[in-house]
């Protein structure tokens, strides 16, 4: 399958770190139970295991918790090697960051080799910092199928958050919202300009909601629904823009698949706020889905037909976005 920009949730052992009473992290191996690998990086940061770097960090974390420093060091060196290889694929101005991140992992491995202790806090800090560089340098070129499966997980975690809020489990709500936010952050790495800023604003809004859930002040499902709808709307916007790029490159079937995703996210956003019967936006989504099916199955529809569907969908997504502007759009650096 042809590569495209995006990200992949890797298949493998799913590792989650949950903070126990007293603040000491415990390792919970969820292998085979959810199919969604996550690494807890401390400071309420959930990191999806998205590429070989994430896999190596998870292996190192597991080895560190099992008091196998040699195995942890080897995994860290492999993670550093991946970053070095990725440095050749990013913009020249970003390569220094990749090399520095690789050096941090190498130094941590050398510390373990020397028999010096590495605390969980120190490891988590390195994990967060290195992963941030990996994301910000736009590392990913993955298969279309893998990216599509991963971006769908945002909605999965938002739905879980709603269920858990109804069940009065605020700590679990916070975790689900932070996972959805983490996936949005990755999606922002695929986008440019206004699309990237919009996704980052939705990401920050979910982080704010998670913080409120953590302390028990998120109790109104309507507040959660607003943040979830905003997240879905920004994804719809990004997918619609990606569709336009693919169509311009004469990639009909991939354009159809991303167009179908854009329509789905718009409809999800409408459902979250109870506006699923809005006739204009509903019609735009339905027409986009019809054109998407034709693009995938063939023969491709006329260019004017595709352009019209994209324009109508874009206007509907923009209209919904204006309605869903969060109260604060300040995004952390």
C-alpha atoms as a PDB file:
ATOM      1  CA  UNK A   1       0.000   0.000   0.000  1.00  0.00           C
ATOM      2  CA  UNK A   2       1.299   3.436  -0.863  1.00  0.00           C
ATOM      3  CA  UNK A   3       2.721   5.371   2.118  1.00  0.00           C
ATOM      4  CA  UNK A   4       1.094   8.540   3.327  1.00  0.00           C
ATOM      5  CA  UNK A   5       1.616  11.016   6.094  1.00  0.00           C
ATOM      6  CA  UNK A   6       0.049   9.891   9.333  1.00  0.00           C
ATOM      7  CA  UNK A   7       0.723   7.676  12.285  1.00  0.00           C
ATOM      8  CA  UNK A   8       0.330   4.095  13.351  1.00  0.00           C
ATOM      9  CA  UNK A   9      -0.597   2.500  16.631  1.00  0.00           C
ATOM     10  CA  UNK A  10       1.873  -0.357  16.663  1.00  0.00           C
ATOM     11  CA  UNK A  11       0.808  -3.948  17.132  1.00  0.00           C
ATOM     12  CA  UNK A  12       2.502  -5.448  20.167  1.00  0.00           C
ATOM     13  CA  UNK A  13       2.501  -5.476  23.934  1.00  0.00           C
ATOM     14  CA  UNK A  14       0.329  -2.776  25.438  1.00  0.00           C
ATOM     15  CA  UNK A  15       1.959  -1.174  28.445  1.00  0.00           C
ATOM     16  CA  UNK A  16       0.155   1.256  30.702  1.00  0.00           C
ATOM     17  CA  UNK A  17       1.477   2.964  33.791  1.00  0.00           C
ATOM     18  CA  UNK A  18      -1.063   3.889  36.444  1.00  0.00           C
ATOM     19  CA  UNK A  19      -0.230   6.019  39.427  1.00  0.00           C
ATOM     20  CA  UNK A  20      -0.854   4.103  42.626  1.00  0.00           C
ATOM     21  CA  UNK A  21      -1.670   5.634  45.956  1.00  0.00           C
ATOM     22  CA  UNK A  22       1.417   7.381  47.184  1.00  0.00           C
ATOM     23  CA  UNK A  23       2.490   8.359  43.681  1.00  0.00           C
ATOM     24  CA  UNK A  24       4.603   5.299  42.823  1.00  0.00           C
ATOM     25  CA  UNK A  25       3.896   4.096  39.261  1.00  0.00           C
ATOM     26  CA  UNK A  26       2.931   0.479  38.736  1.00  0.00           C
ATOM     27  CA  UNK A  27       3.264  -1.444  35.479  1.00  0.00           C
ATOM     28  CA  UNK A  28       0.065  -2.938  34.148  1.00  0.00           C
ATOM     29  CA  UNK A  29       0.465  -5.248  31.147  1.00  0.00           C
ATOM     30  CA  UNK A  30      -2.717  -5.042  29.099  1.00  0.00           C
ATOM     31  CA  UNK A  31      -1.368  -7.178  26.264  1.00  0.00           C
ATOM     32  CA  UNK A  32      -4.183  -8.631  24.218  1.00  0.00           C
ATOM     33  CA  UNK A  33      -6.925  -6.966  26.230  1.00  0.00           C
ATOM     34  CA  UNK A  34      -7.450  -3.757  24.269  1.00  0.00           C
ATOM     35  CA  UNK A  35      -5.133  -3.789  21.278  1.00  0.00           C
ATOM     36  CA  UNK A  36      -4.190  -0.193  22.109  1.00  0.00           C
ATOM     37  CA  UNK A  37      -0.591   0.155  23.326  1.00  0.00           C
ATOM     38  CA  UNK A  38       0.073   3.062  25.651  1.00  0.00           C
ATOM     39  CA  UNK A  39       2.995   4.207  27.743  1.00  0.00           C
ATOM     40  CA  UNK A  40       2.439   6.385  30.787  1.00  0.00           C
ATOM     41  CA  UNK A  41       5.123   9.047  30.763  1.00  0.00           C
ATOM     42  CA  UNK A  42       4.427  10.661  34.120  1.00  0.00           C
ATOM     43  CA  UNK A  43       2.961  14.115  34.725  1.00  0.00           C
ATOM     44  CA  UNK A  44      -0.429  12.907  33.438  1.00  0.00           C
ATOM     45  CA  UNK A  45       1.029  12.299  29.972  1.00  0.00           C
ATOM     46  CA  UNK A  46      -0.138   9.252  28.036  1.00  0.00           C
ATOM     47  CA  UNK A  47       2.019   8.305  25.070  1.00  0.00           C
ATOM     48  CA  UNK A  48       0.669   6.099  22.281  1.00  0.00           C
ATOM     49  CA  UNK A  49       3.231   3.590  21.063  1.00  0.00           C
ATOM     50  CA  UNK A  50       3.235   4.732  17.477  1.00  0.00           C
ATOM     51  CA  UNK A  51       6.520   3.703  15.905  1.00  0.00           C
ATOM     52  CA  UNK A  52       9.753   1.781  16.625  1.00  0.00           C
ATOM     53  CA  UNK A  53      10.828   4.486  19.070  1.00  0.00           C
ATOM     54  CA  UNK A  54       7.700   3.968  21.145  1.00  0.00           C
ATOM     55  CA  UNK A  55       8.174   0.221  21.062  1.00  0.00           C
ATOM     56  CA  UNK A  56      11.767   0.529  22.279  1.00  0.00           C
ATOM     57  CA  UNK A  57      10.774   2.947  25.048  1.00  0.00           C
ATOM     58  CA  UNK A  58       8.075   0.519  26.205  1.00  0.00           C
ATOM     59  CA  UNK A  59      10.605  -2.327  26.212  1.00  0.00           C
ATOM     60  CA  UNK A  60      13.069  -0.222  28.184  1.00  0.00           C
ATOM     61  CA  UNK A  61      10.394   0.757  30.686  1.00  0.00           C
ATOM     62  CA  UNK A  62       9.325  -2.833  31.166  1.00  0.00           C
ATOM     63  CA  UNK A  63      12.943  -3.929  31.635  1.00  0.00           C
ATOM     64  CA  UNK A  64      13.606  -1.114  34.092  1.00  0.00           C
ATOM     65  CA  UNK A  65      10.588  -2.105  36.177  1.00  0.00           C
ATOM     66  CA  UNK A  66      11.767  -5.736  36.146  1.00  0.00           C
ATOM     67  CA  UNK A  67      15.278  -4.689  37.275  1.00  0.00           C
ATOM     68  CA  UNK A  68      16.920  -5.713  33.994  1.00  0.00           C
ATOM     69  CA  UNK A  69      19.142  -2.697  33.353  1.00  0.00           C
ATOM     70  CA  UNK A  70      21.124  -4.344  30.532  1.00  0.00           C
ATOM     71  CA  UNK A  71      17.936  -5.029  28.567  1.00  0.00           C
ATOM     72  CA  UNK A  72      16.684  -1.501  29.244  1.00  0.00           C
ATOM     73  CA  UNK A  73      19.967  -0.048  27.987  1.00  0.00           C
ATOM     74  CA  UNK A  74      19.843  -2.123  24.813  1.00  0.00           C
ATOM     75  CA  UNK A  75      16.283  -0.995  24.080  1.00  0.00           C
ATOM     76  CA  UNK A  76      17.274   2.637  24.616  1.00  0.00           C
ATOM     77  CA  UNK A  77      20.194   2.291  22.201  1.00  0.00           C
ATOM     78  CA  UNK A  78      17.847   0.830  19.599  1.00  0.00           C
ATOM     79  CA  UNK A  79      15.507   3.780  20.147  1.00  0.00           C
ATOM     80  CA  UNK A  80      18.416   6.163  19.640  1.00  0.00           C
ATOM     81  CA  UNK A  81      19.347   4.379  16.410  1.00  0.00           C
ATOM     82  CA  UNK A  82      15.795   4.800  15.132  1.00  0.00           C
ATOM     83  CA  UNK A  83      15.899   8.519  15.850  1.00  0.00           C
ATOM     84  CA  UNK A  84      19.201   8.841  14.001  1.00  0.00           C
ATOM     85  CA  UNK A  85      17.697   7.113  10.977  1.00  0.00           C
ATOM     86  CA  UNK A  86      14.624   9.340  11.135  1.00  0.00           C
ATOM     87  CA  UNK A  87      16.801  12.445  11.228  1.00  0.00           C
ATOM     88  CA  UNK A  88      17.492  11.959   7.540  1.00  0.00           C
ATOM     89  CA  UNK A  89      13.784  12.196   6.748  1.00  0.00           C
ATOM     90  CA  UNK A  90      12.989  15.517   8.427  1.00  0.00           C
ATOM     91  CA  UNK A  91      13.663  19.098   7.409  1.00  0.00           C
ATOM     92  CA  UNK A  92      17.335  20.073   7.747  1.00  0.00           C
ATOM     93  CA  UNK A  93      16.506  22.613  10.428  1.00  0.00           C
ATOM     94  CA  UNK A  94      14.938  19.899  12.589  1.00  0.00           C
ATOM     95  CA  UNK A  95      17.719  17.340  12.369  1.00  0.00           C
ATOM     96  CA  UNK A  96      19.649  18.779  15.297  1.00  0.00           C
ATOM     97  CA  UNK A  97      16.698  18.072  17.595  1.00  0.00           C
ATOM     98  CA  UNK A  98      16.575  14.468  16.460  1.00  0.00           C
ATOM     99  CA  UNK A  99      20.302  13.997  17.031  1.00  0.00           C
ATOM    100  CA  UNK A 100      20.041  15.565  20.486  1.00  0.00           C
ATOM    101  CA  UNK A 101      17.119  13.316  21.403  1.00  0.00           C
ATOM    102  CA  UNK A 102      19.087  10.273  20.261  1.00  0.00           C
ATOM    103  CA  UNK A 103      22.031  11.438  22.365  1.00  0.00           C
ATOM    104  CA  UNK A 104      19.818  11.672  25.451  1.00  0.00           C
ATOM    105  CA  UNK A 105      18.751   8.055  25.053  1.00  0.00           C
ATOM    106  CA  UNK A 106      22.343   6.952  24.480  1.00  0.00           C
ATOM    107  CA  UNK A 107      23.513   8.730  27.635  1.00  0.00           C
ATOM    108  CA  UNK A 108      20.697   7.133  29.628  1.00  0.00           C
ATOM    109  CA  UNK A 109      21.767   3.729  28.293  1.00  0.00           C
ATOM    110  CA  UNK A 110      25.368   4.453  29.300  1.00  0.00           C
ATOM    111  CA  UNK A 111      24.202   5.341  32.801  1.00  0.00           C
ATOM    112  CA  UNK A 112      22.506   1.958  33.061  1.00  0.00           C
ATOM    113  CA  UNK A 113      25.575   0.209  31.619  1.00  0.00           C
ATOM    114  CA  UNK A 114      27.684   1.799  34.349  1.00  0.00           C
ATOM    115  CA  UNK A 115      25.424   0.366  37.044  1.00  0.00           C
ATOM    116  CA  UNK A 116      24.172   3.757  38.169  1.00  0.00           C
ATOM    117  CA  UNK A 117      20.529   3.936  39.289  1.00  0.00           C
ATOM    118  CA  UNK A 118      17.898   5.466  37.035  1.00  0.00           C
ATOM    119  CA  UNK A 119      14.747   6.552  38.815  1.00  0.00           C
ATOM    120  CA  UNK A 120      11.296   6.224  37.339  1.00  0.00           C
ATOM    121  CA  UNK A 121      11.000  10.010  37.382  1.00  0.00           C
ATOM    122  CA  UNK A 122      14.206  10.400  35.365  1.00  0.00           C
ATOM    123  CA  UNK A 123      13.140   7.772  32.859  1.00  0.00           C
ATOM    124  CA  UNK A 124       9.685   9.317  32.458  1.00  0.00           C
ATOM    125  CA  UNK A 125      11.200  12.738  31.861  1.00  0.00           C
ATOM    126  CA  UNK A 126      13.422  11.410  29.087  1.00  0.00           C
ATOM    127  CA  UNK A 127      10.486   9.519  27.595  1.00  0.00           C
ATOM    128  CA  UNK A 128       8.315  12.627  27.448  1.00  0.00           C
ATOM    129  CA  UNK A 129      11.037  14.857  26.049  1.00  0.00           C
ATOM    130  CA  UNK A 130      12.239  12.433  23.400  1.00  0.00           C
ATOM    131  CA  UNK A 131       8.739  11.512  22.268  1.00  0.00           C
ATOM    132  CA  UNK A 132       7.869  15.211  21.938  1.00  0.00           C
ATOM    133  CA  UNK A 133      10.788  15.637  19.537  1.00  0.00           C
ATOM    134  CA  UNK A 134       9.714  12.558  17.595  1.00  0.00           C
ATOM    135  CA  UNK A 135       6.225  13.993  17.130  1.00  0.00           C
ATOM    136  CA  UNK A 136       7.212  17.594  16.485  1.00  0.00           C
ATOM    137  CA  UNK A 137       9.635  16.555  13.758  1.00  0.00           C
ATOM    138  CA  UNK A 138       6.794  14.792  11.919  1.00  0.00           C
ATOM    139  CA  UNK A 139       8.408  11.385  11.897  1.00  0.00           C
ATOM    140  CA  UNK A 140       5.667   9.284  10.444  1.00  0.00           C
ATOM    141  CA  UNK A 141       5.236   7.783   7.030  1.00  0.00           C
ATOM    142  CA  UNK A 142       2.882   4.876   7.508  1.00  0.00           C
ATOM    143  CA  UNK A 143       0.387   2.876   5.539  1.00  0.00           C
ATOM    144  CA  UNK A 144      -3.001   4.382   4.875  1.00  0.00           C
ATOM    145  CA  UNK A 145      -4.799   1.531   6.638  1.00  0.00           C
ATOM    146  CA  UNK A 146      -2.719   1.927   9.817  1.00  0.00           C
ATOM    147  CA  UNK A 147      -3.277   5.668   9.934  1.00  0.00           C
ATOM    148  CA  UNK A 148      -7.026   5.342   9.427  1.00  0.00           C
ATOM    149  CA  UNK A 149      -7.308   2.784  12.233  1.00  0.00           C
ATOM    150  CA  UNK A 150      -5.366   5.040  14.582  1.00  0.00           C
ATOM    151  CA  UNK A 151      -7.277   8.246  13.913  1.00  0.00           C
ATOM    152  CA  UNK A 152     -10.547   6.413  14.621  1.00  0.00           C
ATOM    153  CA  UNK A 153      -9.312   5.748  18.166  1.00  0.00           C
ATOM    154  CA  UNK A 154      -9.859   9.381  19.120  1.00  0.00           C
ATOM    155  CA  UNK A 155     -13.611   8.860  19.016  1.00  0.00           C
ATOM    156  CA  UNK A 156     -13.281   5.523  20.842  1.00  0.00           C
ATOM    157  CA  UNK A 157     -11.649   7.206  23.839  1.00  0.00           C
ATOM    158  CA  UNK A 158     -14.138  10.068  23.802  1.00  0.00           C
ATOM    159  CA  UNK A 159     -17.038   7.616  23.917  1.00  0.00           C
ATOM    160  CA  UNK A 160     -15.404   5.788  26.810  1.00  0.00           C
ATOM    161  CA  UNK A 161     -15.001   9.084  28.650  1.00  0.00           C
ATOM    162  CA  UNK A 162     -18.721   9.762  28.298  1.00  0.00           C
ATOM    163  CA  UNK A 163     -19.616   6.290  29.588  1.00  0.00           C
ATOM    164  CA  UNK A 164     -17.265   6.656  32.547  1.00  0.00           C
ATOM    165  CA  UNK A 165     -18.590  10.120  33.377  1.00  0.00           C
ATOM    166  CA  UNK A 166     -22.082   8.641  33.574  1.00  0.00           C
ATOM    167  CA  UNK A 167     -20.688   5.909  35.825  1.00  0.00           C
ATOM    168  CA  UNK A 168     -19.137   8.560  38.100  1.00  0.00           C
ATOM    169  CA  UNK A 169     -15.539   7.413  37.590  1.00  0.00           C
ATOM    170  CA  UNK A 170     -13.719  10.750  37.257  1.00  0.00           C
ATOM    171  CA  UNK A 171     -10.156   9.376  37.345  1.00  0.00           C
ATOM    172  CA  UNK A 172     -10.915   6.998  34.482  1.00  0.00           C
ATOM    173  CA  UNK A 173     -12.597   9.844  32.572  1.00  0.00           C
ATOM    174  CA  UNK A 174      -9.400  11.872  32.890  1.00  0.00           C
ATOM    175  CA  UNK A 175      -7.307   9.026  31.490  1.00  0.00           C
ATOM    176  CA  UNK A 176      -9.575   8.538  28.474  1.00  0.00           C
ATOM    177  CA  UNK A 177      -9.594  12.249  27.710  1.00  0.00           C
ATOM    178  CA  UNK A 178      -5.812  12.416  27.937  1.00  0.00           C
ATOM    179  CA  UNK A 179      -5.500   9.489  25.557  1.00  0.00           C
ATOM    180  CA  UNK A 180      -7.832  11.161  23.070  1.00  0.00           C
ATOM    181  CA  UNK A 181      -5.801  14.356  23.445  1.00  0.00           C
ATOM    182  CA  UNK A 182      -2.546  12.489  22.842  1.00  0.00           C
ATOM    183  CA  UNK A 183      -3.912  11.084  19.583  1.00  0.00           C
ATOM    184  CA  UNK A 184      -5.038  14.562  18.547  1.00  0.00           C
ATOM    185  CA  UNK A 185      -1.528  15.810  19.141  1.00  0.00           C
ATOM    186  CA  UNK A 186      -0.220  13.202  16.750  1.00  0.00           C
ATOM    187  CA  UNK A 187      -2.819  14.154  14.175  1.00  0.00           C
ATOM    188  CA  UNK A 188      -1.708  17.772  14.493  1.00  0.00           C
ATOM    189  CA  UNK A 189       1.731  16.634  13.366  1.00  0.00           C
ATOM    190  CA  UNK A 190       0.239  15.665  10.012  1.00  0.00           C
ATOM    191  CA  UNK A 191      -1.447  19.014   9.475  1.00  0.00           C
ATOM    192  CA  UNK A 192      -0.213  22.456   8.514  1.00  0.00           C
ATOM    193  CA  UNK A 193      -1.205  26.046   9.139  1.00  0.00           C
ATOM    194  CA  UNK A 194      -4.757  26.694  10.311  1.00  0.00           C
ATOM    195  CA  UNK A 195      -5.630  22.992  10.404  1.00  0.00           C
ATOM    196  CA  UNK A 196      -2.748  22.288  12.779  1.00  0.00           C
ATOM    197  CA  UNK A 197      -3.712  25.182  15.053  1.00  0.00           C
ATOM    198  CA  UNK A 198      -7.329  24.033  15.131  1.00  0.00           C
ATOM    199  CA  UNK A 199      -6.379  20.501  16.147  1.00  0.00           C
ATOM    200  CA  UNK A 200      -3.976  21.830  18.768  1.00  0.00           C
ATOM    201  CA  UNK A 201      -6.760  23.969  20.233  1.00  0.00           C
ATOM    202  CA  UNK A 202      -9.025  20.904  20.464  1.00  0.00           C
ATOM    203  CA  UNK A 203      -6.149  18.943  22.007  1.00  0.00           C
ATOM    204  CA  UNK A 204      -5.654  21.622  24.648  1.00  0.00           C
ATOM    205  CA  UNK A 205      -9.397  21.758  25.363  1.00  0.00           C
ATOM    206  CA  UNK A 206      -9.449  18.006  26.038  1.00  0.00           C
ATOM    207  CA  UNK A 207      -6.444  18.384  28.336  1.00  0.00           C
ATOM    208  CA  UNK A 208      -8.321  21.067  30.260  1.00  0.00           C
ATOM    209  CA  UNK A 209     -11.369  18.820  30.568  1.00  0.00           C
ATOM    210  CA  UNK A 210      -9.162  15.974  31.780  1.00  0.00           C
ATOM    211  CA  UNK A 211      -7.712  18.215  34.476  1.00  0.00           C
ATOM    212  CA  UNK A 212     -11.231  19.072  35.625  1.00  0.00           C
ATOM    213  CA  UNK A 213     -12.204  15.403  35.638  1.00  0.00           C
ATOM    214  CA  UNK A 214      -9.106  14.600  37.691  1.00  0.00           C
ATOM    215  CA  UNK A 215     -10.316  16.818  40.536  1.00  0.00           C
ATOM    216  CA  UNK A 216     -13.990  15.881  40.150  1.00  0.00           C
ATOM    217  CA  UNK A 217     -15.279  19.162  38.737  1.00  0.00           C
ATOM    218  CA  UNK A 218     -16.261  17.772  35.333  1.00  0.00           C
ATOM    219  CA  UNK A 219     -19.792  16.541  35.978  1.00  0.00           C
ATOM    220  CA  UNK A 220     -21.861  17.927  33.103  1.00  0.00           C
ATOM    221  CA  UNK A 221     -21.941  15.659  30.057  1.00  0.00           C
ATOM    222  CA  UNK A 222     -22.778  18.705  27.908  1.00  0.00           C
ATOM    223  CA  UNK A 223     -19.373  20.196  28.727  1.00  0.00           C
ATOM    224  CA  UNK A 224     -17.681  16.949  27.737  1.00  0.00           C
ATOM    225  CA  UNK A 225     -19.809  16.792  24.588  1.00  0.00           C
ATOM    226  CA  UNK A 226     -18.666  20.235  23.514  1.00  0.00           C
ATOM    227  CA  UNK A 227     -15.005  19.257  23.756  1.00  0.00           C
ATOM    228  CA  UNK A 228     -15.626  15.965  21.980  1.00  0.00           C
ATOM    229  CA  UNK A 229     -17.572  17.657  19.189  1.00  0.00           C
ATOM    230  CA  UNK A 230     -14.798  20.204  18.731  1.00  0.00           C
ATOM    231  CA  UNK A 231     -12.244  17.394  18.469  1.00  0.00           C
ATOM    232  CA  UNK A 232     -14.313  15.575  15.840  1.00  0.00           C
ATOM    233  CA  UNK A 233     -14.881  18.794  13.902  1.00  0.00           C
ATOM    234  CA  UNK A 234     -11.154  19.553  13.711  1.00  0.00           C
ATOM    235  CA  UNK A 235     -10.474  16.016  12.521  1.00  0.00           C
ATOM    236  CA  UNK A 236     -13.164  16.409   9.860  1.00  0.00           C
ATOM    237  CA  UNK A 237     -11.488  19.604   8.705  1.00  0.00           C
ATOM    238  CA  UNK A 238      -8.057  17.962   8.504  1.00  0.00           C
ATOM    239  CA  UNK A 239      -9.434  14.945   6.627  1.00  0.00           C
ATOM    240  CA  UNK A 240     -11.276  17.210   4.192  1.00  0.00           C
ATOM    241  CA  UNK A 241      -8.051  19.100   3.446  1.00  0.00           C
ATOM    242  CA  UNK A 242      -6.172  15.831   2.999  1.00  0.00           C
ATOM    243  CA  UNK A 243      -8.858  14.727   0.561  1.00  0.00           C
ATOM    244  CA  UNK A 244      -8.300  17.825  -1.512  1.00  0.00           C
ATOM    245  CA  UNK A 245      -4.566  17.157  -1.629  1.00  0.00           C
ATOM    246  CA  UNK A 246      -5.010  13.540  -2.653  1.00  0.00           C
ATOM    247  CA  UNK A 247      -7.600  14.411  -5.302  1.00  0.00           C
ATOM    248  CA  UNK A 248      -5.268  17.049  -6.751  1.00  0.00           C
ATOM    249  CA  UNK A 249      -2.612  14.327  -6.998  1.00  0.00           C
ATOM    250  CA  UNK A 250      -5.070  12.102  -8.895  1.00  0.00           C
ATOM    251  CA  UNK A 251      -5.238   9.537  -6.068  1.00  0.00           C
ATOM    252  CA  UNK A 252      -8.950   8.813  -6.358  1.00  0.00           C
ATOM    253  CA  UNK A 253      -9.342   5.853  -4.005  1.00  0.00           C
ATOM    254  CA  UNK A 254      -7.261   7.309  -1.127  1.00  0.00           C
ATOM    255  CA  UNK A 255      -9.129  10.596  -1.584  1.00  0.00           C
ATOM    256  CA  UNK A 256     -12.402   8.725  -1.290  1.00  0.00           C
ATOM    257  CA  UNK A 257     -11.371   7.035   1.927  1.00  0.00           C
ATOM    258  CA  UNK A 258     -10.288  10.276   3.600  1.00  0.00           C
ATOM    259  CA  UNK A 259     -13.446  11.997   2.342  1.00  0.00           C
ATOM    260  CA  UNK A 260     -15.544   9.279   3.968  1.00  0.00           C
ATOM    261  CA  UNK A 261     -13.629   9.836   7.222  1.00  0.00           C
ATOM    262  CA  UNK A 262     -14.262  13.579   7.028  1.00  0.00           C
ATOM    263  CA  UNK A 263     -17.986  12.986   6.604  1.00  0.00           C
ATOM    264  CA  UNK A 264     -18.022  10.528   9.497  1.00  0.00           C
ATOM    265  CA  UNK A 265     -16.248  12.950  11.846  1.00  0.00           C
ATOM    266  CA  UNK A 266     -18.645  15.750  10.904  1.00  0.00           C
ATOM    267  CA  UNK A 267     -21.599  13.501  11.700  1.00  0.00           C
ATOM    268  CA  UNK A 268     -20.007  12.445  14.981  1.00  0.00           C
ATOM    269  CA  UNK A 269     -19.546  16.076  15.966  1.00  0.00           C
ATOM    270  CA  UNK A 270     -23.199  16.796  15.187  1.00  0.00           C
ATOM    271  CA  UNK A 271     -24.341  13.826  17.284  1.00  0.00           C
ATOM    272  CA  UNK A 272     -22.227  14.978  20.240  1.00  0.00           C
ATOM    273  CA  UNK A 273     -24.119  18.278  20.397  1.00  0.00           C
ATOM    274  CA  UNK A 274     -27.516  16.878  19.428  1.00  0.00           C
ATOM    275  CA  UNK A 275     -27.544  18.542  15.992  1.00  0.00           C
ATOM    276  CA  UNK A 276     -27.617  15.382  13.908  1.00  0.00           C
ATOM    277  CA  UNK A 277     -30.867  16.492  12.250  1.00  0.00           C
ATOM    278  CA  UNK A 278     -29.402  19.749  10.908  1.00  0.00           C
ATOM    279  CA  UNK A 279     -30.596  19.408   7.325  1.00  0.00           C
ATOM    280  CA  UNK A 280     -27.814  21.420   5.651  1.00  0.00           C
ATOM    281  CA  UNK A 281     -24.914  19.724   7.387  1.00  0.00           C
ATOM    282  CA  UNK A 282     -26.546  16.323   7.181  1.00  0.00           C
ATOM    283  CA  UNK A 283     -26.983  16.746   3.415  1.00  0.00           C
ATOM    284  CA  UNK A 284     -23.350  17.806   3.003  1.00  0.00           C
ATOM    285  CA  UNK A 285     -22.133  14.728   4.875  1.00  0.00           C
ATOM    286  CA  UNK A 286     -24.389  12.384   2.916  1.00  0.00           C
ATOM    287  CA  UNK A 287     -23.269  13.821  -0.421  1.00  0.00           C
ATOM    288  CA  UNK A 288     -19.633  13.569   0.623  1.00  0.00           C
ATOM    289  CA  UNK A 289     -20.134   9.920   1.529  1.00  0.00           C
ATOM    290  CA  UNK A 290     -21.794   9.220  -1.833  1.00  0.00           C
ATOM    291  CA  UNK A 291     -18.917  10.816  -3.732  1.00  0.00           C
ATOM    292  CA  UNK A 292     -16.426   9.012  -1.491  1.00  0.00           C
ATOM    293  CA  UNK A 293     -17.961   5.665  -2.394  1.00  0.00           C
ATOM    294  CA  UNK A 294     -17.702   6.503  -6.090  1.00  0.00           C
ATOM    295  CA  UNK A 295     -14.063   7.533  -5.696  1.00  0.00           C
ATOM    296  CA  UNK A 296     -13.175   4.273  -3.989  1.00  0.00           C
ATOM    297  CA  UNK A 297     -15.264   1.901  -6.096  1.00  0.00           C
ATOM    298  CA  UNK A 298     -15.098   3.692  -9.440  1.00  0.00           C
ATOM    299  CA  UNK A 299     -15.579   4.865 -11.971  1.00  0.00           C
ATOM    300  CA  UNK A 300     -14.468   8.200 -10.450  1.00  0.00           C
ATOM    301  CA  UNK A 301     -17.090  10.949 -10.595  1.00  0.00           C
ATOM    302  CA  UNK A 302     -16.547  14.096 -12.636  1.00  0.00           C
ATOM    303  CA  UNK A 303     -14.115  16.641 -11.236  1.00  0.00           C
ATOM    304  CA  UNK A 304     -16.880  19.217 -10.861  1.00  0.00           C
ATOM    305  CA  UNK A 305     -18.892  16.757  -8.768  1.00  0.00           C
ATOM    306  CA  UNK A 306     -15.962  16.079  -6.437  1.00  0.00           C
ATOM    307  CA  UNK A 307     -15.169  19.779  -6.132  1.00  0.00           C
ATOM    308  CA  UNK A 308     -18.775  20.590  -5.278  1.00  0.00           C
ATOM    309  CA  UNK A 309     -18.923  17.877  -2.591  1.00  0.00           C
ATOM    310  CA  UNK A 310     -15.645  19.047  -1.068  1.00  0.00           C
ATOM    311  CA  UNK A 311     -16.736  22.686  -1.047  1.00  0.00           C
ATOM    312  CA  UNK A 312     -20.084  21.928   0.592  1.00  0.00           C
ATOM    313  CA  UNK A 313     -18.447  19.725   3.194  1.00  0.00           C
ATOM    314  CA  UNK A 314     -15.796  22.362   3.887  1.00  0.00           C
ATOM    315  CA  UNK A 315     -18.440  25.029   4.449  1.00  0.00           C
ATOM    316  CA  UNK A 316     -20.411  22.763   6.802  1.00  0.00           C
ATOM    317  CA  UNK A 317     -17.306  21.886   8.800  1.00  0.00           C
ATOM    318  CA  UNK A 318     -16.299  25.540   9.026  1.00  0.00           C
ATOM    319  CA  UNK A 319     -19.804  26.555  10.139  1.00  0.00           C
ATOM    320  CA  UNK A 320     -19.760  23.937  12.869  1.00  0.00           C
ATOM    321  CA  UNK A 321     -16.270  25.012  13.921  1.00  0.00           C
ATOM    322  CA  UNK A 322     -17.440  28.590  14.438  1.00  0.00           C
ATOM    323  CA  UNK A 323     -20.210  27.262  16.648  1.00  0.00           C
ATOM    324  CA  UNK A 324     -17.814  25.119  18.686  1.00  0.00           C
ATOM    325  CA  UNK A 325     -14.992  27.555  19.401  1.00  0.00           C
ATOM    326  CA  UNK A 326     -13.660  26.692  22.866  1.00  0.00           C
ATOM    327  CA  UNK A 327     -13.625  29.310  25.580  1.00  0.00           C
ATOM    328  CA  UNK A 328      -9.809  29.284  25.514  1.00  0.00           C
ATOM    329  CA  UNK A 329      -7.700  28.524  22.466  1.00  0.00           C
ATOM    330  CA  UNK A 330      -4.308  29.217  23.999  1.00  0.00           C
ATOM    331  CA  UNK A 331      -2.147  26.249  23.127  1.00  0.00           C
ATOM    332  CA  UNK A 332       0.923  25.351  25.176  1.00  0.00           C
ATOM    333  CA  UNK A 333       4.225  25.589  23.349  1.00  0.00           C
END
